[in-house]
Amino acid sequence: MKKVKSKESLEKSVKIELNKIRPAIQADGGDIEFVSMKSGVVKVRLKGACATCPLSEHTLKMFVEQRLKEEARGIKKVEQVT
């Protein structure tokens, strides 16, 4: 099990992971942007086709959130902001 990181280190890990998954989101005509992080809750903004897609919540929960929880220990959830 990975050790819980400092806030700065955790935020850096989140940004790295978002950059790794960005090409998959861009392949569908969208993009994802890190907005903020507080108490293990990551806020992101979906852009392009993903911003208005009816499946965006599914993408956030089943793809982005799951990936961040696996790779950046300490993440509780991912929320979309507009």
PDB file of N, CA and C in Angstrom:
ATOM      1  N   MET A   1       0.834  -1.181   0.000  1.00  0.00           N
ATOM      2  CA  MET A   1       0.000   0.000   0.000  1.00  0.00           C
ATOM      3  C   MET A   1       0.883   1.251   0.000  1.00  0.00           C
ATOM      4  N   LYS A   2       0.509   2.208  -0.851  1.00  0.00           N
ATOM      5  CA  LYS A   2       1.287   3.439  -0.938  1.00  0.00           C
ATOM      6  C   LYS A   2       1.040   4.316   0.271  1.00  0.00           C
ATOM      7  N   LYS A   3       2.063   5.041   0.672  1.00  0.00           N
ATOM      8  CA  LYS A   3       2.002   5.962   1.801  1.00  0.00           C
ATOM      9  C   LYS A   3       1.205   7.211   1.413  1.00  0.00           C
ATOM     10  N   VAL A   4       0.415   7.732   2.362  1.00  0.00           N
ATOM     11  CA  VAL A   4      -0.310   8.977   2.128  1.00  0.00           C
ATOM     12  C   VAL A   4       0.709  10.105   1.996  1.00  0.00           C
ATOM     13  N   LYS A   5       0.505  10.956   1.019  1.00  0.00           N
ATOM     14  CA  LYS A   5       1.472  12.006   0.702  1.00  0.00           C
ATOM     15  C   LYS A   5       1.055  13.348   1.285  1.00  0.00           C
ATOM     16  N   SER A   6       1.998  14.281   1.319  1.00  0.00           N
ATOM     17  CA  SER A   6       1.679  15.644   1.720  1.00  0.00           C
ATOM     18  C   SER A   6       0.731  16.235   0.670  1.00  0.00           C
ATOM     19  N   LYS A   7       0.044  17.321   1.039  1.00  0.00           N
ATOM     20  CA  LYS A   7      -0.905  17.947   0.117  1.00  0.00           C
ATOM     21  C   LYS A   7      -0.236  18.337  -1.201  1.00  0.00           C
ATOM     22  N   GLU A   8       0.943  18.934  -1.119  1.00  0.00           N
ATOM     23  CA  GLU A   8       1.645  19.362  -2.328  1.00  0.00           C
ATOM     24  C   GLU A   8       2.042  18.160  -3.190  1.00  0.00           C
ATOM     25  N   SER A   9       2.531  17.133  -2.539  1.00  0.00           N
ATOM     26  CA  SER A   9       2.940  15.931  -3.253  1.00  0.00           C
ATOM     27  C   SER A   9       1.735  15.225  -3.866  1.00  0.00           C
ATOM     28  N   LEU A  10       0.633  15.185  -3.128  1.00  0.00           N
ATOM     29  CA  LEU A  10      -0.587  14.553  -3.626  1.00  0.00           C
ATOM     30  C   LEU A  10      -1.134  15.324  -4.821  1.00  0.00           C
ATOM     31  N   GLU A  11      -1.137  16.641  -4.731  1.00  0.00           N
ATOM     32  CA  GLU A  11      -1.615  17.467  -5.843  1.00  0.00           C
ATOM     33  C   GLU A  11      -0.750  17.241  -7.085  1.00  0.00           C
ATOM     34  N   LYS A  12       0.542  17.142  -6.906  1.00  0.00           N
ATOM     35  CA  LYS A  12       1.441  16.885  -8.032  1.00  0.00           C
ATOM     36  C   LYS A  12       1.120  15.522  -8.657  1.00  0.00           C
ATOM     37  N   SER A  13       0.885  14.510  -7.825  1.00  0.00           N
ATOM     38  CA  SER A  13       0.540  13.181  -8.334  1.00  0.00           C
ATOM     39  C   SER A  13      -0.766  13.210  -9.120  1.00  0.00           C
ATOM     40  N   VAL A  14      -1.745  13.969  -8.621  1.00  0.00           N
ATOM     41  CA  VAL A  14      -3.025  14.103  -9.318  1.00  0.00           C
ATOM     42  C   VAL A  14      -2.815  14.720 -10.695  1.00  0.00           C
ATOM     43  N   LYS A  15      -2.042  15.784 -10.760  1.00  0.00           N
ATOM     44  CA  LYS A  15      -1.793  16.459 -12.038  1.00  0.00           C
ATOM     45  C   LYS A  15      -1.067  15.540 -13.017  1.00  0.00           C
ATOM     46  N   ILE A  16      -0.129  14.757 -12.521  1.00  0.00           N
ATOM     47  CA  ILE A  16       0.591  13.805 -13.375  1.00  0.00           C
ATOM     48  C   ILE A  16      -0.379  12.782 -13.941  1.00  0.00           C
ATOM     49  N   GLU A  17      -1.246  12.236 -13.090  1.00  0.00           N
ATOM     50  CA  GLU A  17      -2.213  11.237 -13.547  1.00  0.00           C
ATOM     51  C   GLU A  17      -3.211  11.826 -14.531  1.00  0.00           C
ATOM     52  N   LEU A  18      -3.661  13.046 -14.286  1.00  0.00           N
ATOM     53  CA  LEU A  18      -4.572  13.694 -15.227  1.00  0.00           C
ATOM     54  C   LEU A  18      -3.904  13.864 -16.591  1.00  0.00           C
ATOM     55  N   ASN A  19      -2.623  14.188 -16.599  1.00  0.00           N
ATOM     56  CA  ASN A  19      -1.903  14.307 -17.872  1.00  0.00           C
ATOM     57  C   ASN A  19      -1.788  12.967 -18.578  1.00  0.00           C
ATOM     58  N   LYS A  20      -1.715  11.886 -17.809  1.00  0.00           N
ATOM     59  CA  LYS A  20      -1.644  10.548 -18.419  1.00  0.00           C
ATOM     60  C   LYS A  20      -2.970  10.132 -19.048  1.00  0.00           C
ATOM     61  N   ILE A  21      -4.090  10.528 -18.441  1.00  0.00           N
ATOM     62  CA  ILE A  21      -5.388  10.125 -18.988  1.00  0.00           C
ATOM     63  C   ILE A  21      -5.951  11.136 -19.994  1.00  0.00           C
ATOM     64  N   ARG A  22      -5.346  12.308 -20.041  1.00  0.00           N
ATOM     65  CA  ARG A  22      -5.799  13.363 -20.960  1.00  0.00           C
ATOM     66  C   ARG A  22      -5.911  12.881 -22.417  1.00  0.00           C
ATOM     67  N   PRO A  23      -4.943  12.129 -22.966  1.00  0.00           N
ATOM     68  CA  PRO A  23      -5.071  11.705 -24.369  1.00  0.00           C
ATOM     69  C   PRO A  23      -6.334  10.878 -24.647  1.00  0.00           C
ATOM     70  N   ALA A  24      -6.767  10.059 -23.704  1.00  0.00           N
ATOM     71  CA  ALA A  24      -7.988   9.272 -23.896  1.00  0.00           C
ATOM     72  C   ALA A  24      -9.209  10.180 -23.969  1.00  0.00           C
ATOM     73  N   ILE A  25      -9.217  11.214 -23.153  1.00  0.00           N
ATOM     74  CA  ILE A  25     -10.335  12.156 -23.164  1.00  0.00           C
ATOM     75  C   ILE A  25     -10.288  13.024 -24.414  1.00  0.00           C
ATOM     76  N   GLN A  26      -9.093  13.424 -24.819  1.00  0.00           N
ATOM     77  CA  GLN A  26      -8.942  14.230 -26.035  1.00  0.00           C
ATOM     78  C   GLN A  26      -9.325  13.441 -27.280  1.00  0.00           C
ATOM     79  N   ALA A  27      -9.155  12.137 -27.241  1.00  0.00           N
ATOM     80  CA  ALA A  27      -9.516  11.297 -28.391  1.00  0.00           C
ATOM     81  C   ALA A  27     -11.015  11.358 -28.672  1.00  0.00           C
ATOM     82  N   ASP A  28     -11.799  11.698 -27.654  1.00  0.00           N
ATOM     83  CA  ASP A  28     -13.250  11.837 -27.832  1.00  0.00           C
ATOM     84  C   ASP A  28     -13.668  13.285 -28.045  1.00  0.00           C
ATOM     85  N   GLY A  29     -12.702  14.167 -28.286  1.00  0.00           N
ATOM     86  CA  GLY A  29     -13.009  15.559 -28.579  1.00  0.00           C
ATOM     87  C   GLY A  29     -13.135  16.450 -27.354  1.00  0.00           C
ATOM     88  N   GLY A  30     -12.670  15.956 -26.215  1.00  0.00           N
ATOM     89  CA  GLY A  30     -12.766  16.743 -24.990  1.00  0.00           C
ATOM     90  C   GLY A  30     -11.417  17.012 -24.379  1.00  0.00           C
ATOM     91  N   ASP A  31     -11.443  17.471 -23.159  1.00  0.00           N
ATOM     92  CA  ASP A  31     -10.218  17.701 -22.391  1.00  0.00           C
ATOM     93  C   ASP A  31     -10.601  17.785 -20.922  1.00  0.00           C
ATOM     94  N   ILE A  32      -9.618  17.712 -20.061  1.00  0.00           N
ATOM     95  CA  ILE A  32      -9.842  17.797 -18.621  1.00  0.00           C
ATOM     96  C   ILE A  32      -8.806  18.740 -18.030  1.00  0.00           C
ATOM     97  N   GLU A  33      -9.250  19.556 -17.078  1.00  0.00           N
ATOM     98  CA  GLU A  33      -8.371  20.555 -16.463  1.00  0.00           C
ATOM     99  C   GLU A  33      -8.474  20.445 -14.941  1.00  0.00           C
ATOM    100  N   PHE A  34      -7.338  20.390 -14.262  1.00  0.00           N
ATOM    101  CA  PHE A  34      -7.300  20.412 -12.806  1.00  0.00           C
ATOM    102  C   PHE A  34      -7.719  21.803 -12.349  1.00  0.00           C
ATOM    103  N   VAL A  35      -8.636  21.873 -11.381  1.00  0.00           N
ATOM    104  CA  VAL A  35      -9.082  23.157 -10.841  1.00  0.00           C
ATOM    105  C   VAL A  35      -8.550  23.344  -9.427  1.00  0.00           C
ATOM    106  N   SER A  36      -8.808  22.369  -8.550  1.00  0.00           N
ATOM    107  CA  SER A  36      -8.359  22.484  -7.168  1.00  0.00           C
ATOM    108  C   SER A  36      -8.447  21.136  -6.469  1.00  0.00           C
ATOM    109  N   MET A  37      -7.908  21.110  -5.253  1.00  0.00           N
ATOM    110  CA  MET A  37      -7.989  19.914  -4.442  1.00  0.00           C
ATOM    111  C   MET A  37      -8.006  20.335  -2.980  1.00  0.00           C
ATOM    112  N   LYS A  38      -8.933  19.752  -2.212  1.00  0.00           N
ATOM    113  CA  LYS A  38      -9.018  20.053  -0.792  1.00  0.00           C
ATOM    114  C   LYS A  38      -9.592  18.831  -0.074  1.00  0.00           C
ATOM    115  N   SER A  39      -8.903  18.408   0.970  1.00  0.00           N
ATOM    116  CA  SER A  39      -9.350  17.292   1.807  1.00  0.00           C
ATOM    117  C   SER A  39      -9.648  16.031   0.996  1.00  0.00           C
ATOM    118  N   GLY A  40      -8.824  15.762  -0.001  1.00  0.00           N
ATOM    119  CA  GLY A  40      -8.982  14.552  -0.805  1.00  0.00           C
ATOM    120  C   GLY A  40     -10.023  14.636  -1.897  1.00  0.00           C
ATOM    121  N   VAL A  41     -10.640  15.793  -2.081  1.00  0.00           N
ATOM    122  CA  VAL A  41     -11.638  15.989  -3.135  1.00  0.00           C
ATOM    123  C   VAL A  41     -10.982  16.798  -4.256  1.00  0.00           C
ATOM    124  N   VAL A  42     -10.921  16.192  -5.425  1.00  0.00           N
ATOM    125  CA  VAL A  42     -10.311  16.828  -6.591  1.00  0.00           C
ATOM    126  C   VAL A  42     -11.416  17.442  -7.439  1.00  0.00           C
ATOM    127  N   LYS A  43     -11.246  18.690  -7.805  1.00  0.00           N
ATOM    128  CA  LYS A  43     -12.208  19.360  -8.680  1.00  0.00           C
ATOM    129  C   LYS A  43     -11.557  19.554 -10.036  1.00  0.00           C
ATOM    130  N   VAL A  44     -12.293  19.134 -11.064  1.00  0.00           N
ATOM    131  CA  VAL A  44     -11.801  19.239 -12.432  1.00  0.00           C
ATOM    132  C   VAL A  44     -12.865  19.898 -13.295  1.00  0.00           C
ATOM    133  N   ARG A  45     -12.424  20.408 -14.430  1.00  0.00           N
ATOM    134  CA  ARG A  45     -13.328  20.984 -15.421  1.00  0.00           C
ATOM    135  C   ARG A  45     -13.187  20.169 -16.699  1.00  0.00           C
ATOM    136  N   LEU A  46     -14.307  19.682 -17.188  1.00  0.00           N
ATOM    137  CA  LEU A  46     -14.303  18.996 -18.476  1.00  0.00           C
ATOM    138  C   LEU A  46     -14.549  20.031 -19.556  1.00  0.00           C
ATOM    139  N   LYS A  47     -13.850  19.885 -20.657  1.00  0.00           N
ATOM    140  CA  LYS A  47     -13.929  20.858 -21.748  1.00  0.00           C
ATOM    141  C   LYS A  47     -14.292  20.166 -23.050  1.00  0.00           C
ATOM    142  N   GLY A  48     -14.585  20.975 -24.047  1.00  0.00           N
ATOM    143  CA  GLY A  48     -14.882  20.445 -25.373  1.00  0.00           C
ATOM    144  C   GLY A  48     -16.123  19.566 -25.355  1.00  0.00           C
ATOM    145  N   ALA A  49     -16.078  18.490 -26.120  1.00  0.00           N
ATOM    146  CA  ALA A  49     -17.222  17.591 -26.229  1.00  0.00           C
ATOM    147  C   ALA A  49     -17.609  16.989 -24.881  1.00  0.00           C
ATOM    148  N   CYS A  50     -16.649  16.818 -23.991  1.00  0.00           N
ATOM    149  CA  CYS A  50     -16.932  16.214 -22.680  1.00  0.00           C
ATOM    150  C   CYS A  50     -17.739  17.138 -21.772  1.00  0.00           C
ATOM    151  N   ALA A  51     -17.661  18.428 -21.996  1.00  0.00           N
ATOM    152  CA  ALA A  51     -18.354  19.384 -21.133  1.00  0.00           C
ATOM    153  C   ALA A  51     -19.868  19.232 -21.209  1.00  0.00           C
ATOM    154  N   THR A  52     -20.380  18.833 -22.348  1.00  0.00           N
ATOM    155  CA  THR A  52     -21.828  18.714 -22.533  1.00  0.00           C
ATOM    156  C   THR A  52     -22.287  17.278 -22.765  1.00  0.00           C
ATOM    157  N   CYS A  53     -21.395  16.344 -22.655  1.00  0.00           N
ATOM    158  CA  CYS A  53     -21.728  14.941 -22.909  1.00  0.00           C
ATOM    159  C   CYS A  53     -22.582  14.374 -21.766  1.00  0.00           C
ATOM    160  N   PRO A  54     -23.648  13.657 -22.095  1.00  0.00           N
ATOM    161  CA  PRO A  54     -24.478  13.068 -21.045  1.00  0.00           C
ATOM    162  C   PRO A  54     -23.753  11.973 -20.256  1.00  0.00           C
ATOM    163  N   LEU A  55     -22.654  11.470 -20.765  1.00  0.00           N
ATOM    164  CA  LEU A  55     -21.890  10.434 -20.075  1.00  0.00           C
ATOM    165  C   LEU A  55     -20.714  10.994 -19.276  1.00  0.00           C
ATOM    166  N   SER A  56     -20.630  12.313 -19.153  1.00  0.00           N
ATOM    167  CA  SER A  56     -19.479  12.916 -18.478  1.00  0.00           C
ATOM    168  C   SER A  56     -19.376  12.484 -17.015  1.00  0.00           C
ATOM    169  N   GLU A  57     -20.501  12.352 -16.335  1.00  0.00           N
ATOM    170  CA  GLU A  57     -20.463  11.918 -14.931  1.00  0.00           C
ATOM    171  C   GLU A  57     -19.926  10.491 -14.832  1.00  0.00           C
ATOM    172  N   HIS A  58     -20.303   9.662 -15.768  1.00  0.00           N
ATOM    173  CA  HIS A  58     -19.796   8.281 -15.817  1.00  0.00           C
ATOM    174  C   HIS A  58     -18.288   8.291 -16.067  1.00  0.00           C
ATOM    175  N   THR A  59     -17.836   9.122 -16.972  1.00  0.00           N
ATOM    176  CA  THR A  59     -16.402   9.246 -17.261  1.00  0.00           C
ATOM    177  C   THR A  59     -15.649   9.672 -16.003  1.00  0.00           C
ATOM    178  N   LEU A  60     -16.200  10.636 -15.289  1.00  0.00           N
ATOM    179  CA  LEU A  60     -15.537  11.106 -14.067  1.00  0.00           C
ATOM    180  C   LEU A  60     -15.447  10.018 -13.009  1.00  0.00           C
ATOM    181  N   LYS A  61     -16.539   9.316 -12.747  1.00  0.00           N
ATOM    182  CA  LYS A  61     -16.580   8.336 -11.660  1.00  0.00           C
ATOM    183  C   LYS A  61     -15.884   7.033 -12.018  1.00  0.00           C
ATOM    184  N   MET A  62     -16.131   6.523 -13.204  1.00  0.00           N
ATOM    185  CA  MET A  62     -15.637   5.197 -13.557  1.00  0.00           C
ATOM    186  C   MET A  62     -14.249   5.211 -14.192  1.00  0.00           C
ATOM    187  N   PHE A  63     -13.818   6.338 -14.670  1.00  0.00           N
ATOM    188  CA  PHE A  63     -12.499   6.411 -15.313  1.00  0.00           C
ATOM    189  C   PHE A  63     -11.559   7.315 -14.518  1.00  0.00           C
ATOM    190  N   VAL A  64     -11.875   8.587 -14.420  1.00  0.00           N
ATOM    191  CA  VAL A  64     -10.974   9.552 -13.789  1.00  0.00           C
ATOM    192  C   VAL A  64     -10.838   9.274 -12.293  1.00  0.00           C
ATOM    193  N   GLU A  65     -11.953   9.207 -11.571  1.00  0.00           N
ATOM    194  CA  GLU A  65     -11.887   9.010 -10.128  1.00  0.00           C
ATOM    195  C   GLU A  65     -11.234   7.677  -9.769  1.00  0.00           C
ATOM    196  N   GLN A  66     -11.616   6.635 -10.461  1.00  0.00           N
ATOM    197  CA  GLN A  66     -11.034   5.317 -10.178  1.00  0.00           C
ATOM    198  C   GLN A  66      -9.530   5.330 -10.386  1.00  0.00           C
ATOM    199  N   ARG A  67      -9.091   5.927 -11.467  1.00  0.00           N
ATOM    200  CA  ARG A  67      -7.665   5.989 -11.775  1.00  0.00           C
ATOM    201  C   ARG A  67      -6.898   6.802 -10.731  1.00  0.00           C
ATOM    202  N   LEU A  68      -7.459   7.953 -10.347  1.00  0.00           N
ATOM    203  CA  LEU A  68      -6.791   8.791  -9.350  1.00  0.00           C
ATOM    204  C   LEU A  68      -6.711   8.094  -7.997  1.00  0.00           C
ATOM    205  N   LYS A  69      -7.762   7.400  -7.617  1.00  0.00           N
ATOM    206  CA  LYS A  69      -7.750   6.674  -6.337  1.00  0.00           C
ATOM    207  C   LYS A  69      -6.690   5.574  -6.331  1.00  0.00           C
ATOM    208  N   GLU A  70      -6.488   4.946  -7.482  1.00  0.00           N
ATOM    209  CA  GLU A  70      -5.483   3.888  -7.586  1.00  0.00           C
ATOM    210  C   GLU A  70      -4.063   4.434  -7.574  1.00  0.00           C
ATOM    211  N   GLU A  71      -3.844   5.541  -8.226  1.00  0.00           N
ATOM    212  CA  GLU A  71      -2.493   6.044  -8.437  1.00  0.00           C
ATOM    213  C   GLU A  71      -2.063   7.153  -7.479  1.00  0.00           C
ATOM    214  N   ALA A  72      -2.999   7.840  -6.895  1.00  0.00           N
ATOM    215  CA  ALA A  72      -2.673   8.953  -5.992  1.00  0.00           C
ATOM    216  C   ALA A  72      -3.427   8.729  -4.686  1.00  0.00           C
ATOM    217  N   ARG A  73      -2.884   7.894  -3.835  1.00  0.00           N
ATOM    218  CA  ARG A  73      -3.541   7.543  -2.561  1.00  0.00           C
ATOM    219  C   ARG A  73      -3.871   8.795  -1.756  1.00  0.00           C
ATOM    220  N   GLY A  74      -5.075   8.809  -1.202  1.00  0.00           N
ATOM    221  CA  GLY A  74      -5.525   9.953  -0.433  1.00  0.00           C
ATOM    222  C   GLY A  74      -6.672  10.675  -1.112  1.00  0.00           C
ATOM    223  N   ILE A  75      -6.986  10.277  -2.337  1.00  0.00           N
ATOM    224  CA  ILE A  75      -8.093  10.888  -3.061  1.00  0.00           C
ATOM    225  C   ILE A  75      -9.385  10.208  -2.642  1.00  0.00           C
ATOM    226  N   LYS A  76     -10.383  11.014  -2.275  1.00  0.00           N
ATOM    227  CA  LYS A  76     -11.683  10.496  -1.854  1.00  0.00           C
ATOM    228  C   LYS A  76     -12.691  10.494  -2.983  1.00  0.00           C
ATOM    229  N   LYS A  77     -12.692  11.581  -3.750  1.00  0.00           N
ATOM    230  CA  LYS A  77     -13.607  11.652  -4.891  1.00  0.00           C
ATOM    231  C   LYS A  77     -13.185  12.758  -5.846  1.00  0.00           C
ATOM    232  N   VAL A  78     -13.797  12.725  -7.028  1.00  0.00           N
ATOM    233  CA  VAL A  78     -13.552  13.717  -8.064  1.00  0.00           C
ATOM    234  C   VAL A  78     -14.875  14.377  -8.396  1.00  0.00           C
ATOM    235  N   GLU A  79     -14.885  15.698  -8.436  1.00  0.00           N
ATOM    236  CA  GLU A  79     -16.089  16.449  -8.761  1.00  0.00           C
ATOM    237  C   GLU A  79     -15.838  17.336  -9.967  1.00  0.00           C
ATOM    238  N   GLN A  80     -16.888  17.511 -10.754  1.00  0.00           N
ATOM    239  CA  GLN A  80     -16.810  18.387 -11.914  1.00  0.00           C
ATOM    240  C   GLN A  80     -17.311  19.768 -11.547  1.00  0.00           C
ATOM    241  N   VAL A  81     -16.596  20.794 -11.985  1.00  0.00           N
ATOM    242  CA  VAL A  81     -17.040  22.174 -11.837  1.00  0.00           C
ATOM    243  C   VAL A  81     -17.210  22.754 -13.229  1.00  0.00           C
ATOM    244  N   THR A  82     -18.028  23.781 -13.314  1.00  0.00           N
ATOM    245  CA  THR A  82     -18.263  24.412 -14.625  1.00  0.00           C
ATOM    246  C   THR A  82     -17.627  25.774 -14.687  1.00  0.00           C
TER     247      THR A  82
END
